[in-house]
Amino acid sequence: MKTALYPGTFDPITYGHIDVIERASQLFDHLYVVIAINSKKTPMFTTDERIELAQKSLTHLQNVSVVSHNGLLIDYAKTINASAIVRGVRAVTDFEYELQIALMNRKIEPTISTIFLMPHEKYSYLNSSIVRELARYHQNVDEFVSPIVSEALRFKNKKV
């Protein structure tokens, strides 16, 4: 069984993420969407909220699981016997950073490959930070995120 993981903070999960997840789920028997816990970031949504939003946004994909992990991703990849790490790349700037991480992961564990997938071009400019900022100013984000995420963003921004 070919297993892969697709890591990210997913704060929140966007249609760009979902596009990459859908295509990766066709390439592997099982795909783990790994909600990364990054101590350098202060997310809008808690880890549990990000897991729930991702799960609800991905219910149409039977071979996808959503989990969280705090620590080196390559260590988690080894524990689930993953053969690959999937990374979404939107632009050259993404690639430069992702290449450094991929090379270090290969140095640590040469049996795990990194697969770069580009989202559909209509999502090439989209990222979670932009979505959060638009939502913070009460702009409609329905074309960028699933209805459950859009509602969660409206709710979070009512509290602010």
N, C-alpha and C. Protein backbone atom coordinates (compact mmCIF):
# COMPACT_ATOMS: atom_id res chain seq x y z
N MET A 1 0.85 -1.18 0.00
CA MET A 1 0.00 0.00 0.00
C MET A 1 0.89 1.25 0.00
N LYS A 2 0.67 2.13 -0.95
CA LYS A 2 1.43 3.37 -1.06
C LYS A 2 0.74 4.45 -0.23
N THR A 3 1.48 4.96 0.74
CA THR A 3 0.96 5.98 1.66
C THR A 3 1.78 7.24 1.51
N ALA A 4 1.10 8.38 1.57
CA ALA A 4 1.79 9.67 1.51
C ALA A 4 1.17 10.60 2.55
N LEU A 5 1.88 11.68 2.80
CA LEU A 5 1.30 12.70 3.67
C LEU A 5 1.46 14.06 3.02
N TYR A 6 0.51 14.92 3.35
CA TYR A 6 0.49 16.29 2.84
C TYR A 6 0.40 17.20 4.06
N PRO A 7 1.53 17.82 4.44
CA PRO A 7 1.54 18.64 5.64
C PRO A 7 1.27 20.11 5.37
N GLY A 8 0.81 20.78 6.40
CA GLY A 8 0.63 22.22 6.34
C GLY A 8 -0.03 22.71 7.61
N THR A 9 -0.09 24.01 7.76
CA THR A 9 -0.80 24.54 8.93
C THR A 9 -2.30 24.58 8.67
N PHE A 10 -2.69 24.76 7.41
CA PHE A 10 -4.11 24.73 7.04
C PHE A 10 -4.93 25.65 7.95
N ASP A 11 -4.53 26.92 7.98
CA ASP A 11 -5.18 27.89 8.87
C ASP A 11 -5.80 29.03 8.09
N PRO A 12 -6.89 28.78 7.38
CA PRO A 12 -7.65 27.53 7.25
C PRO A 12 -7.31 26.80 5.94
N ILE A 13 -7.90 25.63 5.79
CA ILE A 13 -7.79 24.87 4.55
C ILE A 13 -8.53 25.63 3.46
N THR A 14 -7.91 25.74 2.28
CA THR A 14 -8.49 26.49 1.16
C THR A 14 -8.79 25.54 0.00
N TYR A 15 -9.44 26.07 -1.01
CA TYR A 15 -9.67 25.27 -2.22
C TYR A 15 -8.35 24.93 -2.92
N GLY A 16 -7.33 25.75 -2.77
CA GLY A 16 -6.02 25.41 -3.32
C GLY A 16 -5.46 24.16 -2.66
N HIS A 17 -5.57 24.09 -1.32
CA HIS A 17 -5.15 22.88 -0.60
C HIS A 17 -5.98 21.68 -1.07
N ILE A 18 -7.27 21.87 -1.14
CA ILE A 18 -8.17 20.77 -1.50
C ILE A 18 -7.86 20.26 -2.90
N ASP A 19 -7.53 21.16 -3.81
CA ASP A 19 -7.16 20.75 -5.17
C ASP A 19 -5.94 19.83 -5.14
N VAL A 20 -4.92 20.20 -4.38
CA VAL A 20 -3.72 19.37 -4.27
C VAL A 20 -4.06 18.04 -3.59
N ILE A 21 -4.86 18.08 -2.55
CA ILE A 21 -5.26 16.86 -1.82
C ILE A 21 -6.03 15.91 -2.73
N GLU A 22 -6.95 16.44 -3.51
CA GLU A 22 -7.73 15.59 -4.42
C GLU A 22 -6.83 14.88 -5.41
N ARG A 23 -5.89 15.60 -5.98
CA ARG A 23 -4.99 14.98 -6.97
C ARG A 23 -4.03 14.00 -6.31
N ALA A 24 -3.53 14.35 -5.13
CA ALA A 24 -2.63 13.43 -4.41
C ALA A 24 -3.37 12.16 -4.00
N SER A 25 -4.64 12.29 -3.65
CA SER A 25 -5.41 11.11 -3.22
C SER A 25 -5.61 10.12 -4.38
N GLN A 26 -5.48 10.60 -5.61
CA GLN A 26 -5.57 9.71 -6.77
C GLN A 26 -4.25 9.00 -7.04
N LEU A 27 -3.17 9.53 -6.51
CA LEU A 27 -1.85 8.95 -6.75
C LEU A 27 -1.44 7.91 -5.71
N PHE A 28 -2.08 7.96 -4.53
CA PHE A 28 -1.69 7.10 -3.42
C PHE A 28 -2.89 6.34 -2.88
N ASP A 29 -2.62 5.18 -2.29
CA ASP A 29 -3.69 4.40 -1.68
C ASP A 29 -4.29 5.11 -0.48
N HIS A 30 -3.41 5.78 0.29
CA HIS A 30 -3.89 6.53 1.44
C HIS A 30 -3.07 7.81 1.58
N LEU A 31 -3.76 8.90 1.88
CA LEU A 31 -3.11 10.19 2.07
C LEU A 31 -3.48 10.73 3.44
N TYR A 32 -2.46 11.08 4.20
CA TYR A 32 -2.65 11.74 5.49
C TYR A 32 -2.46 13.24 5.30
N VAL A 33 -3.47 14.00 5.62
CA VAL A 33 -3.35 15.45 5.68
C VAL A 33 -2.90 15.75 7.10
N VAL A 34 -1.68 16.28 7.22
CA VAL A 34 -1.08 16.48 8.54
C VAL A 34 -1.13 17.96 8.91
N ILE A 35 -1.93 18.25 9.92
CA ILE A 35 -2.01 19.61 10.44
C ILE A 35 -0.76 19.82 11.30
N ALA A 36 0.14 20.64 10.80
CA ALA A 36 1.40 20.88 11.50
C ALA A 36 1.19 21.88 12.64
N ILE A 37 1.80 21.58 13.75
CA ILE A 37 1.78 22.49 14.88
C ILE A 37 3.12 23.20 14.86
N ASN A 38 3.09 24.49 14.51
CA ASN A 38 4.30 25.27 14.33
C ASN A 38 4.39 26.32 15.43
N SER A 39 5.37 26.18 16.30
CA SER A 39 5.51 27.09 17.44
C SER A 39 5.85 28.52 17.01
N LYS A 40 6.28 28.70 15.77
CA LYS A 40 6.61 30.04 15.27
C LYS A 40 5.39 30.79 14.74
N LYS A 41 4.27 30.10 14.63
CA LYS A 41 3.06 30.72 14.09
C LYS A 41 1.99 30.79 15.18
N THR A 42 1.17 31.82 15.07
CA THR A 42 0.00 31.95 15.95
C THR A 42 -1.23 31.83 15.07
N PRO A 43 -1.79 30.64 14.97
CA PRO A 43 -2.91 30.43 14.05
C PRO A 43 -4.20 31.07 14.56
N MET A 44 -5.08 31.38 13.63
CA MET A 44 -6.40 31.90 13.96
C MET A 44 -7.24 30.79 14.59
N PHE A 45 -7.13 29.58 14.02
CA PHE A 45 -7.91 28.45 14.49
C PHE A 45 -7.04 27.53 15.34
N THR A 46 -7.62 26.93 16.35
CA THR A 46 -6.89 25.97 17.17
C THR A 46 -6.59 24.73 16.33
N THR A 47 -5.72 23.89 16.82
CA THR A 47 -5.41 22.64 16.12
C THR A 47 -6.67 21.81 15.93
N ASP A 48 -7.47 21.67 16.98
CA ASP A 48 -8.71 20.89 16.87
C ASP A 48 -9.67 21.49 15.85
N GLU A 49 -9.76 22.82 15.81
CA GLU A 49 -10.64 23.46 14.83
C GLU A 49 -10.13 23.23 13.42
N ARG A 50 -8.81 23.31 13.22
CA ARG A 50 -8.25 23.08 11.88
C ARG A 50 -8.46 21.64 11.44
N ILE A 51 -8.34 20.71 12.36
CA ILE A 51 -8.61 19.30 12.03
C ILE A 51 -10.07 19.14 11.61
N GLU A 52 -10.97 19.69 12.40
CA GLU A 52 -12.40 19.56 12.10
C GLU A 52 -12.76 20.21 10.76
N LEU A 53 -12.24 21.40 10.50
CA LEU A 53 -12.53 22.08 9.24
C LEU A 53 -11.99 21.28 8.05
N ALA A 54 -10.80 20.73 8.20
CA ALA A 54 -10.23 19.91 7.12
C ALA A 54 -11.05 18.64 6.91
N GLN A 55 -11.40 17.97 8.00
CA GLN A 55 -12.20 16.74 7.88
C GLN A 55 -13.51 17.01 7.18
N LYS A 56 -14.19 18.08 7.58
CA LYS A 56 -15.49 18.40 6.98
C LYS A 56 -15.36 18.85 5.53
N SER A 57 -14.23 19.45 5.18
CA SER A 57 -14.00 19.89 3.80
C SER A 57 -13.57 18.75 2.89
N LEU A 58 -13.18 17.61 3.47
CA LEU A 58 -12.64 16.50 2.70
C LEU A 58 -13.47 15.23 2.79
N THR A 59 -14.71 15.34 3.23
CA THR A 59 -15.55 14.14 3.42
C THR A 59 -15.76 13.35 2.12
N HIS A 60 -15.59 13.99 0.98
CA HIS A 60 -15.79 13.32 -0.31
C HIS A 60 -14.62 12.42 -0.70
N LEU A 61 -13.56 12.43 0.08
CA LEU A 61 -12.37 11.64 -0.24
C LEU A 61 -12.23 10.51 0.77
N GLN A 62 -12.49 9.29 0.34
CA GLN A 62 -12.52 8.14 1.24
C GLN A 62 -11.14 7.68 1.70
N ASN A 63 -10.09 7.99 0.96
CA ASN A 63 -8.76 7.50 1.31
C ASN A 63 -7.88 8.58 1.93
N VAL A 64 -8.53 9.58 2.55
CA VAL A 64 -7.80 10.69 3.17
C VAL A 64 -8.14 10.74 4.65
N SER A 65 -7.10 10.83 5.49
CA SER A 65 -7.26 11.01 6.94
C SER A 65 -6.62 12.33 7.32
N VAL A 66 -7.20 12.98 8.32
CA VAL A 66 -6.65 14.24 8.83
C VAL A 66 -6.14 14.00 10.24
N VAL A 67 -4.88 14.34 10.46
CA VAL A 67 -4.24 14.16 11.77
C VAL A 67 -3.43 15.42 12.07
N SER A 68 -2.93 15.51 13.29
CA SER A 68 -2.02 16.60 13.63
C SER A 68 -0.69 16.00 14.08
N HIS A 69 0.35 16.81 13.97
CA HIS A 69 1.68 16.36 14.40
C HIS A 69 2.49 17.55 14.85
N ASN A 70 3.20 17.33 15.95
CA ASN A 70 4.10 18.34 16.48
C ASN A 70 5.50 17.74 16.48
N GLY A 71 6.35 18.21 15.63
CA GLY A 71 7.70 17.67 15.55
C GLY A 71 8.15 17.58 14.11
N LEU A 72 9.25 16.88 13.89
CA LEU A 72 9.77 16.74 12.53
C LEU A 72 8.82 15.88 11.70
N LEU A 73 8.44 16.41 10.57
CA LEU A 73 7.52 15.72 9.68
C LEU A 73 8.10 14.40 9.18
N ILE A 74 9.38 14.37 8.91
CA ILE A 74 10.00 13.16 8.39
C ILE A 74 9.90 12.02 9.41
N ASP A 75 9.93 12.36 10.70
CA ASP A 75 9.77 11.33 11.74
C ASP A 75 8.35 10.74 11.68
N TYR A 76 7.37 11.61 11.50
CA TYR A 76 5.99 11.12 11.38
C TYR A 76 5.83 10.27 10.12
N ALA A 77 6.44 10.72 9.03
CA ALA A 77 6.36 9.96 7.78
C ALA A 77 6.90 8.54 7.97
N LYS A 78 7.98 8.42 8.72
CA LYS A 78 8.55 7.09 8.98
C LYS A 78 7.59 6.24 9.82
N THR A 79 6.93 6.84 10.80
CA THR A 79 6.05 6.04 11.68
C THR A 79 4.84 5.48 10.94
N ILE A 80 4.40 6.16 9.89
CA ILE A 80 3.23 5.65 9.14
C ILE A 80 3.66 4.92 7.87
N ASN A 81 4.97 4.68 7.73
CA ASN A 81 5.51 4.00 6.55
C ASN A 81 5.14 4.70 5.24
N ALA A 82 5.20 6.01 5.26
CA ALA A 82 4.90 6.78 4.05
C ALA A 82 6.03 6.61 3.04
N SER A 83 5.65 6.57 1.79
CA SER A 83 6.66 6.52 0.73
C SER A 83 6.91 7.90 0.15
N ALA A 84 6.02 8.86 0.48
CA ALA A 84 6.18 10.19 -0.10
C ALA A 84 5.56 11.27 0.79
N ILE A 85 6.12 12.45 0.63
CA ILE A 85 5.57 13.68 1.21
C ILE A 85 5.14 14.54 0.04
N VAL A 86 3.90 14.97 0.05
CA VAL A 86 3.36 15.80 -1.01
C VAL A 86 3.45 17.25 -0.56
N ARG A 87 3.92 18.11 -1.44
CA ARG A 87 4.00 19.54 -1.15
C ARG A 87 3.37 20.31 -2.30
N GLY A 88 2.56 21.28 -1.96
CA GLY A 88 1.97 22.17 -2.96
C GLY A 88 2.93 23.31 -3.25
N VAL A 89 3.12 23.61 -4.52
CA VAL A 89 4.02 24.68 -4.92
C VAL A 89 3.26 25.62 -5.86
N ARG A 90 3.16 26.88 -5.45
CA ARG A 90 2.43 27.87 -6.25
C ARG A 90 3.34 28.68 -7.15
N ALA A 91 4.54 28.98 -6.68
CA ALA A 91 5.43 29.89 -7.41
C ALA A 91 6.88 29.49 -7.16
N VAL A 92 7.78 30.14 -7.87
CA VAL A 92 9.20 29.86 -7.73
C VAL A 92 9.65 30.07 -6.28
N THR A 93 9.13 31.08 -5.62
CA THR A 93 9.52 31.33 -4.23
C THR A 93 9.14 30.16 -3.34
N ASP A 94 7.99 29.54 -3.57
CA ASP A 94 7.61 28.34 -2.82
C ASP A 94 8.61 27.22 -3.08
N PHE A 95 8.98 27.07 -4.36
CA PHE A 95 9.86 25.96 -4.73
C PHE A 95 11.21 26.05 -4.05
N GLU A 96 11.78 27.23 -3.98
CA GLU A 96 13.10 27.39 -3.37
C GLU A 96 13.09 26.91 -1.92
N TYR A 97 12.09 27.32 -1.16
CA TYR A 97 11.97 26.89 0.24
C TYR A 97 11.70 25.39 0.32
N GLU A 98 10.75 24.91 -0.47
CA GLU A 98 10.37 23.50 -0.43
C GLU A 98 11.51 22.59 -0.86
N LEU A 99 12.34 23.03 -1.79
CA LEU A 99 13.47 22.24 -2.23
C LEU A 99 14.46 22.03 -1.08
N GLN A 100 14.71 23.07 -0.31
CA GLN A 100 15.61 22.94 0.84
C GLN A 100 15.09 21.90 1.83
N ILE A 101 13.80 21.97 2.13
CA ILE A 101 13.19 21.02 3.06
C ILE A 101 13.24 19.61 2.49
N ALA A 102 12.92 19.46 1.21
CA ALA A 102 12.92 18.15 0.56
C ALA A 102 14.31 17.52 0.58
N LEU A 103 15.32 18.31 0.33
CA LEU A 103 16.68 17.78 0.34
C LEU A 103 17.12 17.36 1.74
N MET A 104 16.73 18.13 2.74
CA MET A 104 17.06 17.75 4.12
C MET A 104 16.31 16.48 4.51
N ASN A 105 15.03 16.39 4.13
CA ASN A 105 14.27 15.17 4.43
C ASN A 105 14.90 13.95 3.76
N ARG A 106 15.37 14.12 2.53
CA ARG A 106 16.00 13.00 1.83
C ARG A 106 17.31 12.61 2.51
N LYS A 107 18.02 13.58 3.04
CA LYS A 107 19.25 13.30 3.77
C LYS A 107 18.95 12.48 5.03
N ILE A 108 17.86 12.84 5.72
CA ILE A 108 17.48 12.13 6.95
C ILE A 108 16.91 10.76 6.64
N GLU A 109 16.06 10.68 5.61
CA GLU A 109 15.40 9.41 5.26
C GLU A 109 15.32 9.28 3.74
N PRO A 110 16.33 8.66 3.12
CA PRO A 110 16.39 8.58 1.66
C PRO A 110 15.27 7.77 1.01
N THR A 111 14.56 6.97 1.77
CA THR A 111 13.51 6.13 1.17
C THR A 111 12.19 6.88 0.98
N ILE A 112 12.08 8.08 1.52
CA ILE A 112 10.84 8.86 1.40
C ILE A 112 11.07 9.98 0.39
N SER A 113 10.27 9.98 -0.67
CA SER A 113 10.38 10.98 -1.72
C SER A 113 9.49 12.18 -1.43
N THR A 114 9.85 13.31 -1.99
CA THR A 114 8.98 14.49 -1.94
C THR A 114 8.41 14.70 -3.33
N ILE A 115 7.09 14.84 -3.38
CA ILE A 115 6.38 15.04 -4.64
C ILE A 115 5.83 16.46 -4.63
N PHE A 116 6.17 17.26 -5.64
CA PHE A 116 5.65 18.62 -5.74
C PHE A 116 4.47 18.63 -6.69
N LEU A 117 3.35 19.17 -6.21
CA LEU A 117 2.16 19.32 -7.05
C LEU A 117 1.76 20.79 -7.07
N MET A 118 1.45 21.27 -8.24
CA MET A 118 0.97 22.64 -8.36
C MET A 118 -0.56 22.62 -8.31
N PRO A 119 -1.15 23.58 -7.60
CA PRO A 119 -2.61 23.66 -7.63
C PRO A 119 -3.06 24.16 -8.99
N HIS A 120 -4.33 24.01 -9.25
CA HIS A 120 -4.92 24.58 -10.46
C HIS A 120 -4.54 26.06 -10.53
N GLU A 121 -4.31 26.56 -11.73
CA GLU A 121 -3.85 27.95 -11.86
C GLU A 121 -4.79 28.97 -11.24
N LYS A 122 -6.07 28.64 -11.14
CA LYS A 122 -6.99 29.61 -10.52
C LYS A 122 -6.75 29.76 -9.02
N TYR A 123 -5.93 28.88 -8.44
CA TYR A 123 -5.59 28.98 -7.02
C TYR A 123 -4.12 29.35 -6.80
N SER A 124 -3.40 29.67 -7.87
CA SER A 124 -1.96 29.88 -7.75
C SER A 124 -1.58 31.08 -6.89
N TYR A 125 -2.47 32.02 -6.70
CA TYR A 125 -2.20 33.20 -5.87
C TYR A 125 -2.77 33.06 -4.47
N LEU A 126 -3.50 32.00 -4.22
CA LEU A 126 -4.28 31.84 -3.00
C LEU A 126 -3.45 31.24 -1.87
N ASN A 127 -3.57 31.83 -0.71
CA ASN A 127 -3.00 31.22 0.49
C ASN A 127 -3.87 31.55 1.69
N SER A 128 -3.65 30.83 2.76
CA SER A 128 -4.49 30.99 3.96
C SER A 128 -4.39 32.39 4.55
N SER A 129 -3.23 33.00 4.48
CA SER A 129 -3.05 34.35 5.04
C SER A 129 -3.95 35.35 4.33
N ILE A 130 -4.02 35.26 3.02
CA ILE A 130 -4.88 36.15 2.25
C ILE A 130 -6.34 35.94 2.63
N VAL A 131 -6.74 34.67 2.74
CA VAL A 131 -8.12 34.36 3.11
C VAL A 131 -8.46 34.91 4.49
N ARG A 132 -7.57 34.71 5.45
CA ARG A 132 -7.80 35.24 6.81
C ARG A 132 -7.92 36.75 6.80
N GLU A 133 -7.07 37.41 6.03
CA GLU A 133 -7.10 38.88 5.97
C GLU A 133 -8.39 39.37 5.33
N LEU A 134 -8.81 38.76 4.26
CA LEU A 134 -10.08 39.14 3.63
C LEU A 134 -11.24 38.95 4.60
N ALA A 135 -11.25 37.81 5.27
CA ALA A 135 -12.33 37.51 6.22
C ALA A 135 -12.31 38.48 7.39
N ARG A 136 -11.13 38.87 7.83
CA ARG A 136 -10.99 39.81 8.95
C ARG A 136 -11.70 41.13 8.63
N TYR A 137 -11.68 41.51 7.34
CA TYR A 137 -12.34 42.74 6.90
C TYR A 137 -13.72 42.46 6.30
N HIS A 138 -14.26 41.31 6.64
CA HIS A 138 -15.64 40.93 6.30
C HIS A 138 -15.90 40.87 4.80
N GLN A 139 -14.88 40.47 4.04
CA GLN A 139 -15.04 40.25 2.61
C GLN A 139 -15.52 38.82 2.39
N ASN A 140 -16.24 38.61 1.31
CA ASN A 140 -16.76 37.29 0.97
C ASN A 140 -15.59 36.39 0.51
N VAL A 141 -15.41 35.26 1.16
CA VAL A 141 -14.33 34.33 0.82
C VAL A 141 -14.88 33.00 0.27
N ASP A 142 -16.15 32.99 -0.09
CA ASP A 142 -16.79 31.75 -0.53
C ASP A 142 -16.12 31.09 -1.74
N GLU A 143 -15.49 31.86 -2.61
CA GLU A 143 -14.85 31.24 -3.78
C GLU A 143 -13.48 30.66 -3.46
N PHE A 144 -13.00 30.87 -2.22
CA PHE A 144 -11.67 30.42 -1.84
C PHE A 144 -11.67 29.25 -0.86
N VAL A 145 -12.77 29.08 -0.14
CA VAL A 145 -12.84 28.05 0.91
C VAL A 145 -14.21 27.37 0.87
N SER A 146 -14.28 26.20 1.48
CA SER A 146 -15.54 25.46 1.54
C SER A 146 -16.55 26.23 2.40
N PRO A 147 -17.84 25.94 2.25
CA PRO A 147 -18.85 26.64 3.05
C PRO A 147 -18.62 26.52 4.56
N ILE A 148 -18.17 25.36 5.03
CA ILE A 148 -17.94 25.18 6.47
C ILE A 148 -16.81 26.09 6.95
N VAL A 149 -15.78 26.27 6.14
CA VAL A 149 -14.67 27.15 6.50
C VAL A 149 -15.10 28.61 6.43
N SER A 150 -15.87 28.95 5.42
CA SER A 150 -16.36 30.32 5.29
C SER A 150 -17.18 30.72 6.51
N GLU A 151 -18.04 29.82 6.95
CA GLU A 151 -18.86 30.08 8.14
C GLU A 151 -17.98 30.21 9.39
N ALA A 152 -17.00 29.36 9.52
CA ALA A 152 -16.10 29.42 10.67
C ALA A 152 -15.32 30.73 10.69
N LEU A 153 -14.91 31.21 9.53
CA LEU A 153 -14.21 32.50 9.45
C LEU A 153 -15.13 33.65 9.85
N ARG A 154 -16.38 33.60 9.38
CA ARG A 154 -17.34 34.64 9.79
C ARG A 154 -17.54 34.63 11.28
N PHE A 155 -17.66 33.45 11.87
CA PHE A 155 -17.86 33.33 13.31
C PHE A 155 -16.65 33.85 14.08
N LYS A 156 -15.45 33.46 13.66
CA LYS A 156 -14.22 33.91 14.34
C LYS A 156 -14.09 35.43 14.29
N ASN A 157 -14.45 36.00 13.15
CA ASN A 157 -14.27 37.43 12.99
C ASN A 157 -15.37 38.26 13.65
N LYS A 158 -16.46 37.63 14.04
CA LYS A 158 -17.46 38.33 14.85
C LYS A 158 -16.94 38.54 16.26
N LYS A 159 -16.08 37.63 16.71
CA LYS A 159 -15.52 37.70 18.06
C LYS A 159 -14.46 38.79 18.19
N VAL A 160 -13.84 39.14 17.06
CA VAL A 160 -12.72 40.08 17.09
C VAL A 160 -13.21 41.50 17.27
